[in-house]
Amino acid sequence: MSQMMIENKGRRGKFEIIADVLSVARGGAKKTQIVYKANLNFKIVSEYLSFLEGKGFIGNTSREYTTTEKGEKFLRLYKQMEEQLA
């Protein structure tokens, strides 16, 4: 049986973007830092931050976003899935 190769054509999926945003916010980050470090624009970052905050994956205090324990759990599971697929 041949092994199937799936190549990423340069575009990240929703879960990759979520993982990137949560990773940047781990130690606390301002929106501008998340935009540049996660390589996104302000419109998209605003949408993801709003979504993640609503789901409890990220917290927002004094203009700084921080990954919550729920967000950390997502990152751990995401990393495990990546390792399984590697």
PDB file of N, CA and C in Angstrom:
ATOM      1  N   MET A   1       0.841  -1.178   0.000  1.00  0.00           N
ATOM      2  CA  MET A   1       0.000   0.000   0.000  1.00  0.00           C
ATOM      3  C   MET A   1       0.888   1.244   0.000  1.00  0.00           C
ATOM      4  N   SER A   2       0.642   2.161  -0.912  1.00  0.00           N
ATOM      5  CA  SER A   2       1.496   3.346  -0.991  1.00  0.00           C
ATOM      6  C   SER A   2       1.082   4.370   0.064  1.00  0.00           C
ATOM      7  N   GLN A   3       2.050   5.151   0.493  1.00  0.00           N
ATOM      8  CA  GLN A   3       1.800   6.182   1.507  1.00  0.00           C
ATOM      9  C   GLN A   3       1.367   7.471   0.814  1.00  0.00           C
ATOM     10  N   MET A   4       0.244   8.027   1.250  1.00  0.00           N
ATOM     11  CA  MET A   4      -0.271   9.242   0.636  1.00  0.00           C
ATOM     12  C   MET A   4       0.424  10.458   1.233  1.00  0.00           C
ATOM     13  N   MET A   5       0.842  11.377   0.390  1.00  0.00           N
ATOM     14  CA  MET A   5       1.476  12.613   0.835  1.00  0.00           C
ATOM     15  C   MET A   5       0.508  13.761   0.632  1.00  0.00           C
ATOM     16  N   ILE A   6       0.266  14.488   1.692  1.00  0.00           N
ATOM     17  CA  ILE A   6      -0.582  15.667   1.602  1.00  0.00           C
ATOM     18  C   ILE A   6       0.320  16.880   1.775  1.00  0.00           C
ATOM     19  N   GLU A   7       0.309  17.735   0.783  1.00  0.00           N
ATOM     20  CA  GLU A   7       1.153  18.921   0.844  1.00  0.00           C
ATOM     21  C   GLU A   7       0.321  20.152   1.120  1.00  0.00           C
ATOM     22  N   ASN A   8       0.861  21.020   1.968  1.00  0.00           N
ATOM     23  CA  ASN A   8       0.211  22.295   2.235  1.00  0.00           C
ATOM     24  C   ASN A   8       0.626  23.255   1.126  1.00  0.00           C
ATOM     25  N   LYS A   9      -0.333  23.843   0.467  1.00  0.00           N
ATOM     26  CA  LYS A   9      -0.047  24.714  -0.673  1.00  0.00           C
ATOM     27  C   LYS A   9       0.168  26.169  -0.245  1.00  0.00           C
ATOM     28  N   GLY A  10       0.679  26.390   0.970  1.00  0.00           N
ATOM     29  CA  GLY A  10       0.992  27.736   1.399  1.00  0.00           C
ATOM     30  C   GLY A  10      -0.085  28.388   2.240  1.00  0.00           C
ATOM     31  N   ARG A  11      -1.306  27.914   2.161  1.00  0.00           N
ATOM     32  CA  ARG A  11      -2.389  28.491   2.948  1.00  0.00           C
ATOM     33  C   ARG A  11      -2.590  27.679   4.216  1.00  0.00           C
ATOM     34  N   ARG A  12      -2.737  28.384   5.313  1.00  0.00           N
ATOM     35  CA  ARG A  12      -2.975  27.699   6.579  1.00  0.00           C
ATOM     36  C   ARG A  12      -4.468  27.485   6.774  1.00  0.00           C
ATOM     37  N   GLY A  13      -4.779  26.411   7.458  1.00  0.00           N
ATOM     38  CA  GLY A  13      -6.163  26.148   7.800  1.00  0.00           C
ATOM     39  C   GLY A  13      -6.538  26.839   9.100  1.00  0.00           C
ATOM     40  N   LYS A  14      -7.814  26.751   9.442  1.00  0.00           N
ATOM     41  CA  LYS A  14      -8.336  27.405  10.645  1.00  0.00           C
ATOM     42  C   LYS A  14      -7.594  26.933  11.902  1.00  0.00           C
ATOM     43  N   PHE A  15      -7.369  25.627  12.026  1.00  0.00           N
ATOM     44  CA  PHE A  15      -6.717  25.117  13.226  1.00  0.00           C
ATOM     45  C   PHE A  15      -5.262  25.573  13.324  1.00  0.00           C
ATOM     46  N   GLU A  16      -4.581  25.656  12.191  1.00  0.00           N
ATOM     47  CA  GLU A  16      -3.202  26.152  12.202  1.00  0.00           C
ATOM     48  C   GLU A  16      -3.151  27.604  12.657  1.00  0.00           C
ATOM     49  N   ILE A  17      -4.079  28.406  12.171  1.00  0.00           N
ATOM     50  CA  ILE A  17      -4.121  29.817  12.561  1.00  0.00           C
ATOM     51  C   ILE A  17      -4.439  29.940  14.045  1.00  0.00           C
ATOM     52  N   ILE A  18      -5.397  29.162  14.528  1.00  0.00           N
ATOM     53  CA  ILE A  18      -5.732  29.186  15.955  1.00  0.00           C
ATOM     54  C   ILE A  18      -4.505  28.809  16.784  1.00  0.00           C
ATOM     55  N   ALA A  19      -3.799  27.762  16.380  1.00  0.00           N
ATOM     56  CA  ALA A  19      -2.599  27.337  17.104  1.00  0.00           C
ATOM     57  C   ALA A  19      -1.541  28.429  17.097  1.00  0.00           C
ATOM     58  N   ASP A  20      -1.369  29.106  15.968  1.00  0.00           N
ATOM     59  CA  ASP A  20      -0.391  30.195  15.879  1.00  0.00           C
ATOM     60  C   ASP A  20      -0.755  31.342  16.818  1.00  0.00           C
ATOM     61  N   VAL A  21      -2.026  31.751  16.803  1.00  0.00           N
ATOM     62  CA  VAL A  21      -2.487  32.850  17.663  1.00  0.00           C
ATOM     63  C   VAL A  21      -2.301  32.482  19.134  1.00  0.00           C
ATOM     64  N   LEU A  22      -2.722  31.279  19.509  1.00  0.00           N
ATOM     65  CA  LEU A  22      -2.592  30.848  20.902  1.00  0.00           C
ATOM     66  C   LEU A  22      -1.132  30.745  21.326  1.00  0.00           C
ATOM     67  N   SER A  23      -0.271  30.302  20.434  1.00  0.00           N
ATOM     68  CA  SER A  23       1.159  30.192  20.741  1.00  0.00           C
ATOM     69  C   SER A  23       1.765  31.565  21.005  1.00  0.00           C
ATOM     70  N   VAL A  24       1.429  32.529  20.177  1.00  0.00           N
ATOM     71  CA  VAL A  24       1.957  33.888  20.345  1.00  0.00           C
ATOM     72  C   VAL A  24       1.474  34.479  21.668  1.00  0.00           C
ATOM     73  N   ALA A  25       0.227  34.191  22.034  1.00  0.00           N
ATOM     74  CA  ALA A  25      -0.363  34.791  23.236  1.00  0.00           C
ATOM     75  C   ALA A  25       0.011  34.072  24.530  1.00  0.00           C
ATOM     76  N   ARG A  26       0.791  33.023  24.435  1.00  0.00           N
ATOM     77  CA  ARG A  26       1.130  32.226  25.626  1.00  0.00           C
ATOM     78  C   ARG A  26       1.677  33.071  26.769  1.00  0.00           C
ATOM     79  N   GLY A  27       2.608  33.928  26.496  1.00  0.00           N
ATOM     80  CA  GLY A  27       3.202  34.751  27.559  1.00  0.00           C
ATOM     81  C   GLY A  27       2.556  36.112  27.681  1.00  0.00           C
ATOM     82  N   GLY A  28       1.473  36.319  26.939  1.00  0.00           N
ATOM     83  CA  GLY A  28       0.819  37.621  26.905  1.00  0.00           C
ATOM     84  C   GLY A  28       1.326  38.398  25.705  1.00  0.00           C
ATOM     85  N   ALA A  29       0.419  38.930  24.911  1.00  0.00           N
ATOM     86  CA  ALA A  29       0.809  39.669  23.707  1.00  0.00           C
ATOM     87  C   ALA A  29      -0.274  40.677  23.341  1.00  0.00           C
ATOM     88  N   LYS A  30       0.162  41.808  22.823  1.00  0.00           N
ATOM     89  CA  LYS A  30      -0.771  42.806  22.307  1.00  0.00           C
ATOM     90  C   LYS A  30      -1.218  42.382  20.912  1.00  0.00           C
ATOM     91  N   LYS A  31      -2.335  42.944  20.458  1.00  0.00           N
ATOM     92  CA  LYS A  31      -2.887  42.579  19.152  1.00  0.00           C
ATOM     93  C   LYS A  31      -1.846  42.766  18.040  1.00  0.00           C
ATOM     94  N   THR A  32      -1.106  43.859  18.089  1.00  0.00           N
ATOM     95  CA  THR A  32      -0.089  44.127  17.063  1.00  0.00           C
ATOM     96  C   THR A  32       0.961  43.021  17.020  1.00  0.00           C
ATOM     97  N   GLN A  33       1.387  42.545  18.188  1.00  0.00           N
ATOM     98  CA  GLN A  33       2.373  41.461  18.244  1.00  0.00           C
ATOM     99  C   GLN A  33       1.801  40.190  17.630  1.00  0.00           C
ATOM    100  N   ILE A  34       0.541  39.919  17.908  1.00  0.00           N
ATOM    101  CA  ILE A  34      -0.090  38.714  17.352  1.00  0.00           C
ATOM    102  C   ILE A  34      -0.169  38.829  15.833  1.00  0.00           C
ATOM    103  N   VAL A  35      -0.528  40.017  15.325  1.00  0.00           N
ATOM    104  CA  VAL A  35      -0.605  40.239  13.877  1.00  0.00           C
ATOM    105  C   VAL A  35       0.728  39.890  13.218  1.00  0.00           C
ATOM    106  N   TYR A  36       1.816  40.433  13.742  1.00  0.00           N
ATOM    107  CA  TYR A  36       3.117  40.225  13.104  1.00  0.00           C
ATOM    108  C   TYR A  36       3.688  38.834  13.335  1.00  0.00           C
ATOM    109  N   LYS A  37       3.605  38.337  14.554  1.00  0.00           N
ATOM    110  CA  LYS A  37       4.204  37.026  14.841  1.00  0.00           C
ATOM    111  C   LYS A  37       3.413  35.864  14.249  1.00  0.00           C
ATOM    112  N   ALA A  38       2.087  36.021  14.119  1.00  0.00           N
ATOM    113  CA  ALA A  38       1.267  34.961  13.525  1.00  0.00           C
ATOM    114  C   ALA A  38       1.092  35.179  12.025  1.00  0.00           C
ATOM    115  N   ASN A  39       1.672  36.260  11.494  1.00  0.00           N
ATOM    116  CA  ASN A  39       1.644  36.579  10.064  1.00  0.00           C
ATOM    117  C   ASN A  39       0.204  36.670   9.532  1.00  0.00           C
ATOM    118  N   LEU A  40      -0.581  37.529  10.186  1.00  0.00           N
ATOM    119  CA  LEU A  40      -1.979  37.752   9.801  1.00  0.00           C
ATOM    120  C   LEU A  40      -2.227  39.250   9.689  1.00  0.00           C
ATOM    121  N   ASN A  41      -3.403  39.636   9.196  1.00  0.00           N
ATOM    122  CA  ASN A  41      -3.737  41.057   9.181  1.00  0.00           C
ATOM    123  C   ASN A  41      -4.671  41.376  10.351  1.00  0.00           C
ATOM    124  N   PHE A  42      -4.875  42.674  10.600  1.00  0.00           N
ATOM    125  CA  PHE A  42      -5.664  43.087  11.761  1.00  0.00           C
ATOM    126  C   PHE A  42      -7.108  42.602  11.699  1.00  0.00           C
ATOM    127  N   LYS A  43      -7.696  42.602  10.522  1.00  0.00           N
ATOM    128  CA  LYS A  43      -9.093  42.167  10.383  1.00  0.00           C
ATOM    129  C   LYS A  43      -9.238  40.699  10.786  1.00  0.00           C
ATOM    130  N   ILE A  44      -8.367  39.867  10.255  1.00  0.00           N
ATOM    131  CA  ILE A  44      -8.439  38.431  10.544  1.00  0.00           C
ATOM    132  C   ILE A  44      -8.100  38.156  12.008  1.00  0.00           C
ATOM    133  N   VAL A  45      -7.080  38.834  12.534  1.00  0.00           N
ATOM    134  CA  VAL A  45      -6.721  38.639  13.945  1.00  0.00           C
ATOM    135  C   VAL A  45      -7.887  39.031  14.845  1.00  0.00           C
ATOM    136  N   SER A  46      -8.545  40.125  14.523  1.00  0.00           N
ATOM    137  CA  SER A  46      -9.690  40.563  15.331  1.00  0.00           C
ATOM    138  C   SER A  46     -10.785  39.504  15.343  1.00  0.00           C
ATOM    139  N   GLU A  47     -11.050  38.907  14.193  1.00  0.00           N
ATOM    140  CA  GLU A  47     -12.069  37.855  14.109  1.00  0.00           C
ATOM    141  C   GLU A  47     -11.680  36.643  14.950  1.00  0.00           C
ATOM    142  N   TYR A  48     -10.424  36.211  14.833  1.00  0.00           N
ATOM    143  CA  TYR A  48      -9.974  35.048  15.596  1.00  0.00           C
ATOM    144  C   TYR A  48      -9.939  35.329  17.090  1.00  0.00           C
ATOM    145  N   LEU A  49      -9.466  36.520  17.484  1.00  0.00           N
ATOM    146  CA  LEU A  49      -9.415  36.855  18.905  1.00  0.00           C
ATOM    147  C   LEU A  49     -10.815  36.876  19.506  1.00  0.00           C
ATOM    148  N   SER A  50     -11.746  37.434  18.778  1.00  0.00           N
ATOM    149  CA  SER A  50     -13.127  37.481  19.246  1.00  0.00           C
ATOM    150  C   SER A  50     -13.685  36.061  19.412  1.00  0.00           C
ATOM    151  N   PHE A  51     -13.446  35.224  18.424  1.00  0.00           N
ATOM    152  CA  PHE A  51     -13.899  33.827  18.468  1.00  0.00           C
ATOM    153  C   PHE A  51     -13.257  33.083  19.640  1.00  0.00           C
ATOM    154  N   LEU A  52     -11.932  33.199  19.762  1.00  0.00           N
ATOM    155  CA  LEU A  52     -11.204  32.477  20.807  1.00  0.00           C
ATOM    156  C   LEU A  52     -11.572  32.968  22.201  1.00  0.00           C
ATOM    157  N   GLU A  53     -11.805  34.263  22.322  1.00  0.00           N
ATOM    158  CA  GLU A  53     -12.217  34.814  23.613  1.00  0.00           C
ATOM    159  C   GLU A  53     -13.609  34.289  23.990  1.00  0.00           C
ATOM    160  N   GLY A  54     -14.503  34.254  23.015  1.00  0.00           N
ATOM    161  CA  GLY A  54     -15.850  33.751  23.250  1.00  0.00           C
ATOM    162  C   GLY A  54     -15.877  32.288  23.656  1.00  0.00           C
ATOM    163  N   LYS A  55     -14.928  31.517  23.159  1.00  0.00           N
ATOM    164  CA  LYS A  55     -14.843  30.086  23.488  1.00  0.00           C
ATOM    165  C   LYS A  55     -14.012  29.818  24.738  1.00  0.00           C
ATOM    166  N   GLY A  56     -13.387  30.858  25.291  1.00  0.00           N
ATOM    167  CA  GLY A  56     -12.595  30.685  26.507  1.00  0.00           C
ATOM    168  C   GLY A  56     -11.179  30.193  26.288  1.00  0.00           C
ATOM    169  N   PHE A  57     -10.669  30.291  25.054  1.00  0.00           N
ATOM    170  CA  PHE A  57      -9.307  29.835  24.753  1.00  0.00           C
ATOM    171  C   PHE A  57      -8.272  30.927  25.001  1.00  0.00           C
ATOM    172  N   ILE A  58      -8.735  32.171  25.077  1.00  0.00           N
ATOM    173  CA  ILE A  58      -7.828  33.296  25.243  1.00  0.00           C
ATOM    174  C   ILE A  58      -8.508  34.325  26.141  1.00  0.00           C
ATOM    175  N   GLY A  59      -7.707  35.000  26.953  1.00  0.00           N
ATOM    176  CA  GLY A  59      -8.237  36.038  27.820  1.00  0.00           C
ATOM    177  C   GLY A  59      -7.677  37.388  27.403  1.00  0.00           C
ATOM    178  N   ASN A  60      -8.386  38.445  27.753  1.00  0.00           N
ATOM    179  CA  ASN A  60      -7.972  39.793  27.371  1.00  0.00           C
ATOM    180  C   ASN A  60      -8.011  40.688  28.599  1.00  0.00           C
ATOM    181  N   THR A  61      -6.834  41.156  29.010  1.00  0.00           N
ATOM    182  CA  THR A  61      -6.757  42.102  30.123  1.00  0.00           C
ATOM    183  C   THR A  61      -5.853  43.262  29.730  1.00  0.00           C
ATOM    184  N   SER A  62      -6.312  44.457  29.911  1.00  0.00           N
ATOM    185  CA  SER A  62      -5.563  45.681  29.574  1.00  0.00           C
ATOM    186  C   SER A  62      -4.873  45.606  28.220  1.00  0.00           C
ATOM    187  N   ARG A  63      -5.633  45.299  27.207  1.00  0.00           N
ATOM    188  CA  ARG A  63      -5.133  45.240  25.821  1.00  0.00           C
ATOM    189  C   ARG A  63      -4.123  44.135  25.572  1.00  0.00           C
ATOM    190  N   GLU A  64      -3.955  43.235  26.500  1.00  0.00           N
ATOM    191  CA  GLU A  64      -3.026  42.127  26.292  1.00  0.00           C
ATOM    192  C   GLU A  64      -3.809  40.821  26.308  1.00  0.00           C
ATOM    193  N   TYR A  65      -3.516  39.984  25.354  1.00  0.00           N
ATOM    194  CA  TYR A  65      -4.186  38.691  25.229  1.00  0.00           C
ATOM    195  C   TYR A  65      -3.285  37.605  25.796  1.00  0.00           C
ATOM    196  N   THR A  66      -3.899  36.684  26.530  1.00  0.00           N
ATOM    197  CA  THR A  66      -3.154  35.590  27.144  1.00  0.00           C
ATOM    198  C   THR A  66      -3.898  34.277  26.917  1.00  0.00           C
ATOM    199  N   THR A  67      -3.166  33.253  26.569  1.00  0.00           N
ATOM    200  CA  THR A  67      -3.748  31.929  26.365  1.00  0.00           C
ATOM    201  C   THR A  67      -4.203  31.366  27.711  1.00  0.00           C
ATOM    202  N   THR A  68      -5.433  30.887  27.759  1.00  0.00           N
ATOM    203  CA  THR A  68      -5.985  30.304  28.986  1.00  0.00           C
ATOM    204  C   THR A  68      -5.586  28.833  29.082  1.00  0.00           C
ATOM    205  N   GLU A  69      -5.947  28.204  30.187  1.00  0.00           N
ATOM    206  CA  GLU A  69      -5.670  26.770  30.338  1.00  0.00           C
ATOM    207  C   GLU A  69      -6.396  25.965  29.261  1.00  0.00           C
ATOM    208  N   LYS A  70      -7.601  26.387  28.913  1.00  0.00           N
ATOM    209  CA  LYS A  70      -8.347  25.718  27.837  1.00  0.00           C
ATOM    210  C   LYS A  70      -7.592  25.854  26.513  1.00  0.00           C
ATOM    211  N   GLY A  71      -6.997  27.019  26.276  1.00  0.00           N
ATOM    212  CA  GLY A  71      -6.190  27.236  25.075  1.00  0.00           C
ATOM    213  C   GLY A  71      -4.925  26.392  25.078  1.00  0.00           C
ATOM    214  N   GLU A  72      -4.321  26.263  26.251  1.00  0.00           N
ATOM    215  CA  GLU A  72      -3.125  25.418  26.385  1.00  0.00           C
ATOM    216  C   GLU A  72      -3.472  23.957  26.077  1.00  0.00           C
ATOM    217  N   LYS A  73      -4.639  23.524  26.529  1.00  0.00           N
ATOM    218  CA  LYS A  73      -5.073  22.153  26.247  1.00  0.00           C
ATOM    219  C   LYS A  73      -5.239  21.951  24.746  1.00  0.00           C
ATOM    220  N   PHE A  74      -5.842  22.944  24.059  1.00  0.00           N
ATOM    221  CA  PHE A  74      -5.970  22.872  22.602  1.00  0.00           C
ATOM    222  C   PHE A  74      -4.593  22.720  21.959  1.00  0.00           C
ATOM    223  N   LEU A  75      -3.621  23.529  22.400  1.00  0.00           N
ATOM    224  CA  LEU A  75      -2.276  23.455  21.814  1.00  0.00           C
ATOM    225  C   LEU A  75      -1.637  22.092  22.025  1.00  0.00           C
ATOM    226  N   ARG A  76      -1.822  21.516  23.212  1.00  0.00           N
ATOM    227  CA  ARG A  76      -1.267  20.175  23.477  1.00  0.00           C
ATOM    228  C   ARG A  76      -1.891  19.136  22.549  1.00  0.00           C
ATOM    229  N   LEU A  77      -3.223  19.181  22.416  1.00  0.00           N
ATOM    230  CA  LEU A  77      -3.908  18.227  21.543  1.00  0.00           C
ATOM    231  C   LEU A  77      -3.528  18.438  20.076  1.00  0.00           C
ATOM    232  N   TYR A  78      -3.410  19.683  19.668  1.00  0.00           N
ATOM    233  CA  TYR A  78      -3.033  20.008  18.297  1.00  0.00           C
ATOM    234  C   TYR A  78      -1.637  19.453  17.991  1.00  0.00           C
ATOM    235  N   LYS A  79      -0.712  19.628  18.935  1.00  0.00           N
ATOM    236  CA  LYS A  79       0.649  19.123  18.735  1.00  0.00           C
ATOM    237  C   LYS A  79       0.650  17.597  18.630  1.00  0.00           C
ATOM    238  N   GLN A  80      -0.165  16.942  19.464  1.00  0.00           N
ATOM    239  CA  GLN A  80      -0.260  15.479  19.409  1.00  0.00           C
ATOM    240  C   GLN A  80      -0.786  15.015  18.050  1.00  0.00           C
ATOM    241  N   MET A  81      -1.788  15.711  17.535  1.00  0.00           N
ATOM    242  CA  MET A  81      -2.326  15.352  16.210  1.00  0.00           C
ATOM    243  C   MET A  81      -1.275  15.546  15.127  1.00  0.00           C
ATOM    244  N   GLU A  82      -0.535  16.648  15.200  1.00  0.00           N
ATOM    245  CA  GLU A  82       0.526  16.883  14.223  1.00  0.00           C
ATOM    246  C   GLU A  82       1.552  15.768  14.256  1.00  0.00           C
ATOM    247  N   GLU A  83       1.929  15.344  15.456  1.00  0.00           N
ATOM    248  CA  GLU A  83       2.919  14.279  15.600  1.00  0.00           C
ATOM    249  C   GLU A  83       2.390  12.957  15.043  1.00  0.00           C
ATOM    250  N   GLN A  84       1.107  12.680  15.241  1.00  0.00           N
ATOM    251  CA  GLN A  84       0.524  11.453  14.727  1.00  0.00           C
ATOM    252  C   GLN A  84       0.498  11.426  13.200  1.00  0.00           C
ATOM    253  N   LEU A  85       0.339  12.615  12.615  1.00  0.00           N
ATOM    254  CA  LEU A  85       0.244  12.698  11.146  1.00  0.00           C
ATOM    255  C   LEU A  85       1.606  12.838  10.468  1.00  0.00           C
ATOM    256  N   ALA A  86       2.649  13.075  11.236  1.00  0.00           N
ATOM    257  CA  ALA A  86       3.986  13.289  10.657  1.00  0.00           C
ATOM    258  C   ALA A  86       4.568  11.993  10.124  1.00  0.00           C
TER     259      ALA A  86
END
